[in-house]
Amino acid sequence: MSELRAIEERGREAIQADFLVVGSGIAGLWTAIRLAEQGSVALVTKDHLVESSTFYAQGGIAVALYPEDSPEQHLADTLIAGAGLCDEPAVEVLTREGPRLIERLVAMGAQFDMAGDRFALTREAAHRSNRILHADGDATGREVESCLADRARTVERIHPYERLFVQELLLREDRTCAGVLARDLVRGRDVLIRARATVIATGGIGEVYGVTTNPPVTTGDGIAAAFRAGAAVQDLEFVQFHPTALSLPDAPRFLISEAARGEGAVLRNNAGERFMPCYHPDAELAPRDIVSRAIWQEMADTGQDHVLIDFTGLDRERVARRFPTIAARCLEYGKDITRDLVPVAPAAHYLMGGIATDLHGRTTLPGLYACGECASCGIHGANRLASNSLLDGIVYGDRCAEAMFGESEHADGPLFGRSPFDAGCLGPPDLRPRVHCVAWRDVGIIRSAASLEAARRDASEWLARPPVAEGDIEVGNMALVTFLMASAALARTESRGAHYREDYPEPQDPAWRKHIVLQRGLDTGLRLTYAAVSN
């Protein structure tokens, strides 16, 4: 890995803003709106403003709003789901500050489903109470994303830049973050963006697996760029696989929300037998990692590539009203969820780890912040509690903005960076399906030393290749993320939450109650350290 190099600024388009936000899901949009209260904001996204995992989120937002529930109960449920790896202060912030910020979101215009004069709340797996706020039945993400995007477009100080792909972070001579070098995907030219503080909110890594509920933009770009620049990342071994994604030939892996099981839908194997009570006393409402592995086992036992979700025991009108998006999408592929059993299988869904941050979104690189799915401050532990992700984006986006307000102006000066190709690859486009295959097979739902070593070896070979003219930078990011996930998973010699090692099947070794932190050294190699879990 080479040292920092000077960035040539002449001849490149330049943008200057007080604050830079990279990513336009719930975390990025919320942060941008808040930052605009005190300065100009460059809002950068590599696709269109509303193309993010947030837009496709169905289930809802977990938040304790009424007296029969409480932030303390929400905290307790989150800690249990996180399998001993949640940092309790981070969860306490999430559950305590969530209700106030949801009120602010409603004041911005977000419209959630109502039951009389109260919000209609539902329950999902591992929640002890009905606390899931939802919109238009199963279109919560679309409502929230549209509301925040509409607001961002009308705020004078926010300047959205669509189809701008961040290639690398820019550093000042004192190694503080100065902005980014991006590629204008429409005009085919580089753009320098300077800011006094930068926040990464680029979402997850689902596209690394290919079999995913995430949109294709989720290639781990922010995590890869932050790591290359020297920021620490943590908990990358913990990838949540959603148990129930639509599994039909030629159909996208469309999410069948966990709220379906919360409302009473059950899982059956291909013999028509309900199987979840055999795996966990909470049956279909067991934590996601348990349900995913149970489905995986049933598929292996029956030789099928799916199991079946059954809505037919529920009231047909209620199903159609509660899940209009799911019903319409399944009907496109010939399945009426009120009458038919629907084929489903697990798919990569959410990354619990990410760029290591404190409780205000600060990374280990001064001037760089992170929030949302690409960040890791210890909220989700080894297994995210259902519907905590959208709340995470709002709460920690808000805290990022508050901290960024205090960033001082920096004098203009020379810019430095590390090429995206000296610790990654400008990969050939045809490498993408190979990355998909290796990640899914070797760093998937069930892992072992042999599979993880194979993934590391393959990823190392990809990263060592010389850059390819007109290559795919996203593929380079996917290769780097695969290497980092496999490295962390290989180091964690236990099974915990979403990380399951068939060579270490006994769960939750107390000696492993710690975070695995990965960081790039100033010279060469990968530095692996540990961080204590905060109680």
Protein backbone atom coordinates (compact mmCIF):
# COMPACT_ATOMS: atom_id res chain seq x y z
CA MET A 1 0.00 0.00 0.00
CA SER A 2 1.56 3.25 -1.07
CA GLU A 3 1.79 6.41 1.03
CA LEU A 4 -0.29 9.51 0.36
CA ARG A 5 0.09 11.18 -3.02
CA ALA A 6 -0.57 14.78 -3.99
CA ILE A 7 -3.84 15.35 -5.85
CA GLU A 8 -3.61 17.30 -9.06
CA GLU A 9 -6.26 20.01 -8.88
CA ARG A 10 -5.71 21.88 -12.14
CA GLY A 11 -8.21 21.14 -14.86
CA ARG A 12 -10.69 19.51 -12.50
CA GLU A 13 -14.09 20.89 -11.63
CA ALA A 14 -14.21 22.05 -8.01
CA ILE A 15 -17.11 22.37 -5.58
CA GLN A 16 -16.84 24.13 -2.20
CA ALA A 17 -19.34 23.72 0.64
CA ASP A 18 -19.38 24.03 4.40
CA PHE A 19 -20.51 20.42 4.72
CA LEU A 20 -20.43 17.39 2.45
CA VAL A 21 -22.90 14.51 2.74
CA VAL A 22 -22.24 11.36 0.70
CA GLY A 23 -25.37 9.24 0.34
CA SER A 24 -29.09 10.02 0.09
CA GLY A 25 -30.90 7.41 2.17
CA ILE A 26 -32.60 8.31 5.42
CA ALA A 27 -29.31 8.98 7.24
CA GLY A 28 -27.82 11.17 4.51
CA LEU A 29 -30.99 13.18 3.86
CA TRP A 30 -31.69 13.77 7.54
CA THR A 31 -28.10 14.87 8.16
CA ALA A 32 -28.14 17.21 5.16
CA ILE A 33 -31.40 18.85 6.27
CA ARG A 34 -30.03 19.44 9.76
CA LEU A 35 -26.64 20.70 8.50
CA ALA A 36 -28.35 23.24 6.27
CA GLU A 37 -29.41 25.05 9.44
CA GLN A 38 -25.84 26.31 9.80
CA GLY A 39 -24.18 26.21 6.40
CA SER A 40 -24.12 25.13 2.77
CA VAL A 41 -24.39 21.41 2.07
CA ALA A 42 -23.18 19.45 -0.95
CA LEU A 43 -25.36 16.32 -1.08
CA VAL A 44 -23.72 13.70 -3.30
CA THR A 45 -25.28 10.45 -4.50
CA LYS A 46 -24.09 8.07 -7.20
CA ASP A 47 -27.60 7.40 -8.51
CA HIS A 48 -30.82 9.36 -8.19
CA LEU A 49 -31.69 11.08 -4.95
CA VAL A 50 -34.29 8.51 -3.83
CA GLU A 51 -32.43 5.37 -4.94
CA SER A 52 -31.37 3.83 -1.64
CA SER A 53 -32.15 0.92 0.65
CA THR A 54 -34.42 3.26 2.62
CA PHE A 55 -36.81 3.59 -0.31
CA TYR A 56 -37.37 -0.19 -0.39
CA ALA A 57 -37.75 -0.67 3.39
CA GLN A 58 -41.13 -2.19 4.18
CA GLY A 59 -41.50 -3.13 7.83
CA GLY A 60 -41.34 0.23 9.54
CA ILE A 61 -39.63 2.15 12.32
CA ALA A 62 -39.30 0.70 15.81
CA VAL A 63 -39.94 3.36 18.44
CA ALA A 64 -41.56 3.46 21.90
CA LEU A 65 -44.28 6.12 21.57
CA TYR A 66 -46.99 5.23 24.08
CA PRO A 67 -47.21 4.52 27.84
CA GLU A 68 -47.68 0.77 27.41
CA ASP A 69 -44.17 0.66 25.96
CA SER A 70 -41.00 2.48 26.97
CA PRO A 71 -37.50 3.32 25.69
CA GLU A 72 -36.18 1.04 28.43
CA GLN A 73 -38.13 -1.95 27.09
CA HIS A 74 -37.01 -1.11 23.55
CA LEU A 75 -33.41 -0.98 24.80
CA ALA A 76 -33.76 -4.35 26.53
CA ASP A 77 -35.13 -6.02 23.37
CA THR A 78 -32.31 -4.54 21.29
CA LEU A 79 -29.66 -5.80 23.70
CA ILE A 80 -31.11 -9.32 23.66
CA ALA A 81 -31.21 -9.43 19.85
CA GLY A 82 -27.62 -8.12 19.68
CA ALA A 83 -26.31 -11.26 21.41
CA GLY A 84 -24.01 -9.51 23.86
CA LEU A 85 -22.26 -7.22 21.39
CA CYS A 86 -24.41 -4.09 21.57
CA ASP A 87 -22.79 -1.09 23.21
CA GLU A 88 -25.48 -0.19 25.72
CA PRO A 89 -24.82 3.60 25.72
CA ALA A 90 -25.33 3.64 21.93
CA VAL A 91 -28.63 1.75 22.23
CA GLU A 92 -29.76 3.99 25.08
CA VAL A 93 -29.23 7.03 22.83
CA LEU A 94 -31.19 5.36 20.04
CA THR A 95 -34.22 4.43 22.12
CA ARG A 96 -34.27 7.62 24.24
CA GLU A 97 -33.91 10.14 21.41
CA GLY A 98 -36.02 8.24 18.89
CA PRO A 99 -39.52 9.37 19.95
CA ARG A 100 -38.63 13.08 19.79
CA LEU A 101 -37.11 12.76 16.32
CA ILE A 102 -40.04 10.73 15.00
CA GLU A 103 -42.26 13.63 16.09
CA ARG A 104 -40.01 15.93 14.07
CA LEU A 105 -40.24 13.61 11.05
CA VAL A 106 -44.03 13.74 11.27
CA ALA A 107 -43.86 17.52 11.48
CA MET A 108 -41.85 17.46 8.23
CA GLY A 109 -44.80 15.77 6.55
CA ALA A 110 -44.24 12.01 6.87
CA GLN A 111 -47.62 10.28 7.05
CA PHE A 112 -47.87 7.04 8.98
CA ASP A 113 -50.81 4.67 9.25
CA MET A 114 -53.28 5.56 11.99
CA ALA A 115 -55.69 3.64 14.20
CA GLY A 116 -58.12 6.30 15.30
CA ASP A 117 -56.17 9.13 16.90
CA ARG A 118 -53.08 6.96 17.51
CA PHE A 119 -50.43 5.59 15.21
CA ALA A 120 -51.18 2.03 14.09
CA LEU A 121 -48.34 -0.03 15.55
CA THR A 122 -47.47 -3.62 14.78
CA ARG A 123 -45.05 -6.16 16.17
CA GLU A 124 -42.04 -7.88 14.61
CA ALA A 125 -39.69 -10.63 15.70
CA ALA A 126 -37.96 -10.27 19.06
CA HIS A 127 -40.00 -7.20 20.08
CA ARG A 128 -42.03 -7.62 23.27
CA SER A 129 -44.47 -4.86 22.30
CA ASN A 130 -46.27 -3.49 19.28
CA ARG A 131 -43.93 -0.60 18.45
CA ILE A 132 -43.46 -0.71 14.68
CA LEU A 133 -44.61 2.49 12.98
CA HIS A 134 -45.52 1.94 9.32
CA ALA A 135 -46.83 3.83 6.29
CA ASP A 136 -49.21 2.74 3.55
CA GLY A 137 -49.17 -0.76 4.99
CA ASP A 138 -45.76 -1.94 3.85
CA ALA A 139 -44.25 1.13 2.14
CA THR A 140 -42.67 2.87 5.10
CA GLY A 141 -39.32 3.45 3.45
CA ARG A 142 -40.89 4.96 0.35
CA GLU A 143 -42.90 7.41 2.46
CA VAL A 144 -39.92 8.46 4.58
CA GLU A 145 -37.48 8.71 1.67
CA SER A 146 -39.92 10.73 -0.43
CA CYS A 147 -40.71 13.08 2.44
CA LEU A 148 -37.05 13.79 3.23
CA ALA A 149 -36.03 14.06 -0.44
CA ASP A 150 -38.82 16.55 -1.08
CA ARG A 151 -37.67 18.59 1.91
CA ALA A 152 -34.00 18.45 0.81
CA ARG A 153 -34.90 19.70 -2.68
CA THR A 154 -36.62 22.77 -1.22
CA VAL A 155 -33.91 23.81 1.26
CA GLU A 156 -31.93 26.61 -0.35
CA ARG A 157 -28.61 25.72 1.27
CA ILE A 158 -28.69 22.06 0.11
CA HIS A 159 -27.15 21.46 -3.32
CA PRO A 160 -27.88 17.90 -4.55
CA TYR A 161 -25.43 16.30 -7.00
CA GLU A 162 -26.83 13.14 -8.56
CA ARG A 163 -24.81 10.55 -10.53
CA LEU A 164 -21.59 11.56 -8.76
CA PHE A 165 -19.51 8.57 -7.65
CA VAL A 166 -17.06 9.09 -4.76
CA GLN A 167 -13.73 7.46 -5.65
CA GLU A 168 -11.60 8.47 -2.67
CA LEU A 169 -11.41 10.72 0.35
CA LEU A 170 -9.16 13.77 0.24
CA LEU A 171 -6.83 14.60 3.13
CA ARG A 172 -5.01 17.71 4.23
CA GLU A 173 -1.35 17.68 5.19
CA ASP A 174 -2.33 17.03 8.82
CA ARG A 175 -4.34 13.98 7.63
CA THR A 176 -7.73 15.48 8.40
CA CYS A 177 -10.48 14.83 5.88
CA ALA A 178 -10.87 17.66 3.36
CA GLY A 179 -13.61 16.26 1.10
CA VAL A 180 -13.73 13.79 -1.77
CA LEU A 181 -12.62 13.14 -5.30
CA ALA A 182 -15.67 12.05 -7.27
CA ARG A 183 -16.45 10.96 -10.80
CA ASP A 184 -19.27 12.59 -12.71
CA LEU A 185 -20.91 9.52 -14.25
CA VAL A 186 -22.84 11.58 -16.81
CA ARG A 187 -20.06 13.81 -18.13
CA GLY A 188 -17.17 11.42 -17.49
CA ARG A 189 -14.98 13.85 -15.59
CA ASP A 190 -13.48 14.14 -12.10
CA VAL A 191 -14.86 16.57 -9.53
CA LEU A 192 -13.09 17.80 -6.38
CA ILE A 193 -15.41 18.59 -3.48
CA ARG A 194 -13.96 20.43 -0.50
CA ALA A 195 -15.76 20.82 2.83
CA ARG A 196 -14.86 21.58 6.40
CA ALA A 197 -16.52 18.29 7.46
CA THR A 198 -17.64 15.21 5.51
CA VAL A 199 -20.16 12.55 6.46
CA ILE A 200 -20.37 9.13 4.80
CA ALA A 201 -23.93 7.77 4.65
CA THR A 202 -23.63 5.37 1.71
CA GLY A 203 -25.58 2.44 3.12
CA GLY A 204 -24.73 -1.23 3.10
CA ILE A 205 -23.03 -4.00 1.14
CA GLY A 206 -25.87 -6.19 -0.13
CA GLU A 207 -24.73 -6.09 -3.76
CA VAL A 208 -21.47 -7.76 -2.70
CA TYR A 209 -23.57 -10.91 -2.30
CA GLY A 210 -25.76 -10.50 -5.35
CA VAL A 211 -28.53 -12.47 -3.62
CA THR A 212 -29.89 -9.49 -1.72
CA THR A 213 -32.93 -7.45 -0.84
CA ASN A 214 -30.87 -4.27 -1.36
CA PRO A 215 -30.80 -2.19 -4.55
CA PRO A 216 -27.74 -2.53 -6.85
CA VAL A 217 -26.15 0.68 -5.51
CA THR A 218 -25.17 -1.03 -2.22
CA THR A 219 -21.58 -1.91 -3.13
CA GLY A 220 -19.86 -0.81 0.09
CA ASP A 221 -18.32 2.30 -1.50
CA GLY A 222 -18.24 4.44 1.64
CA ILE A 223 -16.74 1.70 3.79
CA ALA A 224 -14.09 0.94 1.18
CA ALA A 225 -13.17 4.61 0.70
CA ALA A 226 -12.95 5.25 4.45
CA PHE A 227 -10.79 2.18 5.01
CA ARG A 228 -8.42 3.15 2.19
CA ALA A 229 -8.04 6.61 3.73
CA GLY A 230 -7.04 5.09 7.08
CA ALA A 231 -10.31 5.06 9.06
CA ALA A 232 -11.06 2.07 11.29
CA VAL A 233 -13.91 -0.31 10.49
CA GLN A 234 -15.47 -2.80 12.90
CA ASP A 235 -17.87 -5.75 13.22
CA LEU A 236 -17.80 -6.51 9.48
CA GLU A 237 -18.31 -10.22 10.16
CA PHE A 238 -21.91 -9.55 11.13
CA VAL A 239 -24.13 -9.58 8.04
CA GLN A 240 -27.85 -10.06 8.54
CA PHE A 241 -29.59 -12.32 6.06
CA HIS A 242 -33.30 -11.61 5.88
CA PRO A 243 -35.17 -14.91 6.12
CA THR A 244 -37.91 -14.22 3.60
CA ALA A 245 -37.11 -12.81 0.19
CA LEU A 246 -39.26 -13.76 -2.79
CA SER A 247 -37.67 -16.76 -4.53
CA LEU A 248 -39.09 -17.25 -8.01
CA PRO A 249 -37.31 -17.76 -11.34
CA ASP A 250 -36.53 -14.43 -13.05
CA ALA A 251 -37.95 -12.44 -10.11
CA PRO A 252 -35.81 -10.01 -8.08
CA ARG A 253 -35.20 -10.97 -4.45
CA PHE A 254 -38.06 -8.80 -3.30
CA LEU A 255 -38.38 -8.52 0.48
CA ILE A 256 -41.35 -10.20 2.16
CA SER A 257 -41.43 -8.07 5.29
CA GLU A 258 -40.93 -9.52 8.73
CA ALA A 259 -44.14 -7.71 9.60
CA ALA A 260 -45.92 -10.47 7.67
CA ARG A 261 -44.87 -12.98 10.31
CA GLY A 262 -45.66 -10.41 12.98
CA GLU A 263 -49.23 -10.34 11.67
CA GLY A 264 -49.49 -14.15 11.75
CA ALA A 265 -48.11 -15.53 8.46
CA VAL A 266 -46.30 -18.85 9.01
CA LEU A 267 -43.45 -20.69 7.31
CA ARG A 268 -43.86 -24.14 5.78
CA ASN A 269 -41.44 -26.50 4.11
CA ASN A 270 -42.14 -28.01 0.71
CA ALA A 271 -44.05 -30.86 2.34
CA GLY A 272 -46.47 -28.26 3.70
CA GLU A 273 -45.27 -28.68 7.30
CA ARG A 274 -44.87 -25.70 9.62
CA PHE A 275 -41.31 -26.05 10.90
CA MET A 276 -40.30 -23.02 12.97
CA PRO A 277 -41.74 -24.33 16.28
CA CYS A 278 -39.16 -27.11 16.02
CA TYR A 279 -36.31 -24.59 16.01
CA HIS A 280 -37.29 -21.94 18.57
CA PRO A 281 -40.06 -21.35 21.13
CA ASP A 282 -40.91 -18.03 19.44
CA ALA A 283 -41.36 -19.87 16.12
CA GLU A 284 -41.69 -17.38 13.23
CA LEU A 285 -40.97 -14.51 15.62
CA ALA A 286 -37.53 -15.80 16.60
CA PRO A 287 -34.55 -13.54 15.83
CA ARG A 288 -33.69 -13.22 12.16
CA ASP A 289 -30.46 -15.23 12.31
CA ILE A 290 -32.29 -18.21 13.80
CA VAL A 291 -35.11 -18.08 11.25
CA SER A 292 -32.62 -17.75 8.36
CA ARG A 293 -30.59 -20.75 9.51
CA ALA A 294 -33.76 -22.77 10.07
CA ILE A 295 -34.89 -22.05 6.51
CA TRP A 296 -31.40 -22.91 5.24
CA GLN A 297 -31.61 -26.26 7.06
CA GLU A 298 -35.09 -27.03 5.72
CA MET A 299 -33.90 -26.25 2.20
CA ALA A 300 -30.95 -28.60 2.66
CA ASP A 301 -33.15 -31.36 4.10
CA THR A 302 -35.68 -31.18 1.27
CA GLY A 303 -33.27 -30.45 -1.58
CA GLN A 304 -35.27 -27.35 -2.49
CA ASP A 305 -34.07 -23.77 -3.05
CA HIS A 306 -36.92 -22.22 -1.06
CA VAL A 307 -39.53 -22.69 1.64
CA LEU A 308 -43.04 -21.23 1.66
CA ILE A 309 -44.68 -18.38 3.52
CA ASP A 310 -48.36 -18.85 4.19
CA PHE A 311 -50.76 -15.90 4.58
CA THR A 312 -53.85 -17.99 3.87
CA GLY A 313 -54.87 -18.42 7.50
CA LEU A 314 -55.26 -14.64 7.87
CA ASP A 315 -58.18 -12.42 7.00
CA ARG A 316 -57.91 -11.74 3.25
CA GLU A 317 -59.05 -8.12 3.40
CA ARG A 318 -56.64 -7.33 6.22
CA VAL A 319 -53.74 -8.95 4.34
CA ALA A 320 -54.49 -6.93 1.20
CA ARG A 321 -54.79 -3.72 3.22
CA ARG A 322 -51.73 -4.32 5.41
CA PHE A 323 -49.38 -5.54 2.64
CA PRO A 324 -50.40 -3.85 -0.62
CA THR A 325 -46.85 -3.58 -1.99
CA ILE A 326 -46.03 -7.23 -1.29
CA ALA A 327 -49.38 -8.35 -2.68
CA ALA A 328 -48.94 -6.37 -5.90
CA ARG A 329 -45.37 -7.52 -6.49
CA CYS A 330 -46.19 -11.19 -5.88
CA LEU A 331 -49.20 -10.93 -8.19
CA GLU A 332 -46.86 -9.74 -10.96
CA TYR A 333 -45.28 -13.19 -10.75
CA GLY A 334 -48.52 -15.13 -10.51
CA LYS A 335 -48.81 -15.46 -6.73
CA ASP A 336 -51.89 -14.21 -4.85
CA ILE A 337 -50.71 -13.99 -1.24
CA THR A 338 -54.29 -14.31 0.06
CA ARG A 339 -54.66 -17.71 -1.67
CA ASP A 340 -51.22 -19.07 -2.58
CA LEU A 341 -48.17 -20.17 -0.63
CA VAL A 342 -45.30 -17.91 -1.69
CA PRO A 343 -41.74 -19.27 -2.23
CA VAL A 344 -39.14 -17.48 -0.10
CA ALA A 345 -35.47 -17.91 0.81
CA PRO A 346 -32.87 -15.92 2.76
CA ALA A 347 -31.01 -13.02 1.15
CA ALA A 348 -28.31 -10.59 2.31
CA HIS A 349 -30.11 -7.68 3.93
CA TYR A 350 -28.17 -5.57 6.42
CA LEU A 351 -24.61 -5.01 7.65
CA MET A 352 -24.39 -4.61 11.42
CA GLY A 353 -20.79 -3.38 11.25
CA GLY A 354 -19.21 -0.57 9.28
CA ILE A 355 -17.00 2.48 9.74
CA ALA A 356 -16.19 2.71 13.45
CA THR A 357 -17.67 5.83 15.08
CA ASP A 358 -18.32 7.30 18.50
CA LEU A 359 -21.78 8.32 19.69
CA HIS A 360 -21.64 11.50 17.60
CA GLY A 361 -20.66 9.86 14.31
CA ARG A 362 -16.98 10.79 14.53
CA THR A 363 -14.68 8.29 12.84
CA THR A 364 -11.02 7.74 13.66
CA LEU A 365 -10.16 10.13 10.81
CA PRO A 366 -10.55 13.78 11.93
CA GLY A 367 -13.11 15.69 9.90
CA LEU A 368 -14.82 12.48 8.72
CA TYR A 369 -18.16 11.31 10.11
CA ALA A 370 -20.38 8.36 9.29
CA CYS A 371 -24.01 7.41 10.02
CA GLY A 372 -26.62 4.92 8.93
CA GLU A 373 -25.89 1.40 7.76
CA CYS A 374 -22.30 2.13 6.69
CA ALA A 375 -21.44 3.19 10.27
CA SER A 376 -20.87 1.17 13.42
CA CYS A 377 -21.16 2.67 16.88
CA GLY A 378 -22.32 -0.57 18.49
CA ILE A 379 -26.11 -0.24 18.26
CA HIS A 380 -26.90 -3.49 16.50
CA GLY A 381 -24.34 -5.85 18.01
CA ALA A 382 -24.24 -9.26 16.39
CA ASN A 383 -27.83 -9.18 15.15
CA ARG A 384 -29.97 -6.11 14.44
CA LEU A 385 -33.40 -5.95 16.02
CA ALA A 386 -36.03 -5.64 13.29
CA SER A 387 -36.95 -2.07 12.24
CA ASN A 388 -34.18 -0.40 14.23
CA SER A 389 -32.32 0.65 11.08
CA LEU A 390 -34.48 3.59 9.99
CA LEU A 391 -34.47 4.93 13.54
CA ASP A 392 -30.68 4.57 13.59
CA GLY A 393 -30.41 6.73 10.46
CA ILE A 394 -32.46 9.54 11.99
CA VAL A 395 -30.98 9.50 15.50
CA TYR A 396 -27.34 9.23 14.51
CA GLY A 397 -27.76 11.47 11.47
CA ASP A 398 -29.04 14.09 13.88
CA ARG A 399 -26.09 13.57 16.24
CA CYS A 400 -23.63 13.73 13.33
CA ALA A 401 -25.03 17.10 12.30
CA GLU A 402 -24.81 18.46 15.84
CA ALA A 403 -21.16 17.42 16.09
CA MET A 404 -20.30 18.72 12.61
CA PHE A 405 -21.59 22.17 13.51
CA GLY A 406 -18.51 22.50 15.71
CA GLU A 407 -16.00 21.80 12.94
CA SER A 408 -13.85 24.86 12.31
CA GLU A 409 -12.97 26.32 8.94
CA HIS A 410 -9.72 25.06 7.43
CA ALA A 411 -7.43 27.15 5.29
CA ASP A 412 -7.12 26.08 1.68
CA GLY A 413 -4.03 24.04 1.01
CA PRO A 414 -2.73 21.08 -0.96
CA LEU A 415 -4.81 17.94 -1.09
CA PHE A 416 -3.58 14.39 -0.69
CA GLY A 417 -5.14 10.98 -1.13
CA ARG A 418 -4.66 7.32 -1.72
CA SER A 419 -5.75 6.08 -5.11
CA PRO A 420 -8.72 3.71 -5.00
CA PHE A 421 -6.50 1.32 -6.89
CA ASP A 422 -3.52 0.98 -4.54
CA ALA A 423 -5.56 -0.83 -1.89
CA GLY A 424 -8.28 -2.12 -4.15
CA CYS A 425 -8.66 -2.84 -7.81
CA LEU A 426 -10.10 -1.23 -10.85
CA GLY A 427 -11.70 -4.53 -11.65
CA PRO A 428 -13.01 -5.85 -14.93
CA PRO A 429 -16.81 -5.75 -15.04
CA ASP A 430 -16.95 -9.52 -15.53
CA LEU A 431 -15.42 -9.97 -12.06
CA ARG A 432 -18.71 -8.89 -10.43
CA PRO A 433 -20.47 -12.28 -10.70
CA ARG A 434 -17.34 -13.94 -9.30
CA VAL A 435 -17.46 -11.65 -6.25
CA HIS A 436 -21.16 -12.47 -5.85
CA CYS A 437 -20.42 -16.19 -5.91
CA VAL A 438 -17.50 -16.12 -3.47
CA ALA A 439 -19.25 -13.85 -0.94
CA TRP A 440 -22.48 -15.89 -0.98
CA ARG A 441 -20.75 -19.27 -0.84
CA ASP A 442 -17.87 -18.55 1.53
CA VAL A 443 -18.96 -15.59 3.71
CA GLY A 444 -22.64 -16.45 3.82
CA ILE A 445 -25.19 -17.73 6.31
CA ILE A 446 -22.96 -20.63 7.41
CA ARG A 447 -19.17 -20.20 7.45
CA SER A 448 -16.05 -22.17 8.34
CA ALA A 449 -12.32 -21.62 8.46
CA ALA A 450 -11.98 -23.33 5.09
CA SER A 451 -14.62 -21.17 3.40
CA LEU A 452 -13.34 -17.94 4.92
CA GLU A 453 -9.73 -18.68 4.01
CA ALA A 454 -10.89 -19.38 0.45
CA ALA A 455 -12.72 -16.03 0.33
CA ARG A 456 -9.67 -14.17 1.65
CA ARG A 457 -7.45 -15.89 -0.89
CA ASP A 458 -9.74 -15.07 -3.79
CA ALA A 459 -10.23 -11.47 -2.68
CA SER A 460 -6.47 -11.02 -2.20
CA GLU A 461 -5.88 -12.19 -5.75
CA TRP A 462 -8.47 -9.73 -7.07
CA LEU A 463 -6.92 -6.87 -5.12
CA ALA A 464 -3.43 -7.70 -6.37
CA ARG A 465 -4.41 -7.42 -10.03
CA PRO A 466 -3.17 -4.38 -11.94
CA PRO A 467 -5.84 -1.78 -12.81
CA VAL A 468 -7.83 -2.49 -15.93
CA ALA A 469 -8.50 0.31 -18.40
CA GLU A 470 -12.13 1.38 -18.19
CA GLY A 471 -12.55 -0.96 -15.23
CA ASP A 472 -15.31 -1.00 -12.66
CA ILE A 473 -14.50 0.92 -9.45
CA GLU A 474 -17.54 -0.59 -7.74
CA VAL A 475 -16.06 -4.05 -8.29
CA GLY A 476 -12.86 -2.91 -6.60
CA ASN A 477 -14.89 -1.76 -3.59
CA MET A 478 -16.80 -5.04 -3.51
CA ALA A 479 -13.55 -7.02 -3.61
CA LEU A 480 -12.09 -4.98 -0.74
CA VAL A 481 -15.24 -5.34 1.37
CA THR A 482 -15.25 -9.11 0.75
CA PHE A 483 -11.64 -9.31 1.93
CA LEU A 484 -12.41 -7.31 5.08
CA MET A 485 -15.56 -9.28 5.95
CA ALA A 486 -13.77 -12.59 5.47
CA SER A 487 -10.81 -11.40 7.56
CA ALA A 488 -13.04 -10.42 10.48
CA ALA A 489 -15.15 -13.59 10.24
CA LEU A 490 -12.03 -15.77 10.16
CA ALA A 491 -10.68 -14.05 13.27
CA ARG A 492 -13.90 -14.57 15.27
CA THR A 493 -13.66 -18.24 16.26
CA GLU A 494 -17.16 -18.57 17.71
CA SER A 495 -20.78 -18.41 16.62
CA ARG A 496 -22.67 -15.30 17.72
CA GLY A 497 -25.82 -13.74 16.28
CA ALA A 498 -25.66 -13.51 12.49
CA HIS A 499 -22.08 -14.89 12.44
CA TYR A 500 -22.36 -18.69 12.41
CA ARG A 501 -19.25 -20.90 12.18
CA GLU A 502 -20.01 -24.57 11.61
CA ASP A 503 -16.54 -25.35 12.98
CA TYR A 504 -17.41 -23.41 16.17
CA PRO A 505 -21.13 -24.17 16.58
CA GLU A 506 -21.37 -23.47 20.31
CA PRO A 507 -22.78 -19.92 20.60
CA GLN A 508 -21.38 -16.87 22.33
CA ASP A 509 -18.00 -17.68 23.81
CA PRO A 510 -17.60 -15.08 26.65
CA ALA A 511 -13.99 -14.53 25.59
CA TRP A 512 -15.27 -13.12 22.29
CA ARG A 513 -17.46 -10.41 23.78
CA LYS A 514 -15.49 -7.73 21.96
CA HIS A 515 -15.48 -5.88 18.66
CA ILE A 516 -13.03 -6.75 15.90
CA VAL A 517 -11.50 -3.57 14.49
CA LEU A 518 -9.67 -3.46 11.15
CA GLN A 519 -7.54 -0.59 9.97
CA ARG A 520 -5.10 0.06 7.19
CA GLY A 521 -1.54 0.76 8.36
CA LEU A 522 0.46 3.71 7.07
CA ASP A 523 2.82 1.36 5.27
CA THR A 524 1.37 -2.01 4.38
CA GLY A 525 -0.91 -4.78 5.54
CA LEU A 526 -4.06 -5.10 7.60
CA ARG A 527 -4.03 -4.22 11.29
CA LEU A 528 -6.50 -6.16 13.46
CA THR A 529 -7.25 -5.01 17.01
CA TYR A 530 -10.08 -5.42 19.52
CA ALA A 531 -12.38 -2.95 21.27
CA ALA A 532 -14.29 -3.62 24.48
CA VAL A 533 -18.09 -3.69 24.46
CA SER A 534 -19.48 -0.74 26.45
CA ASN A 535 -21.96 -1.60 29.18
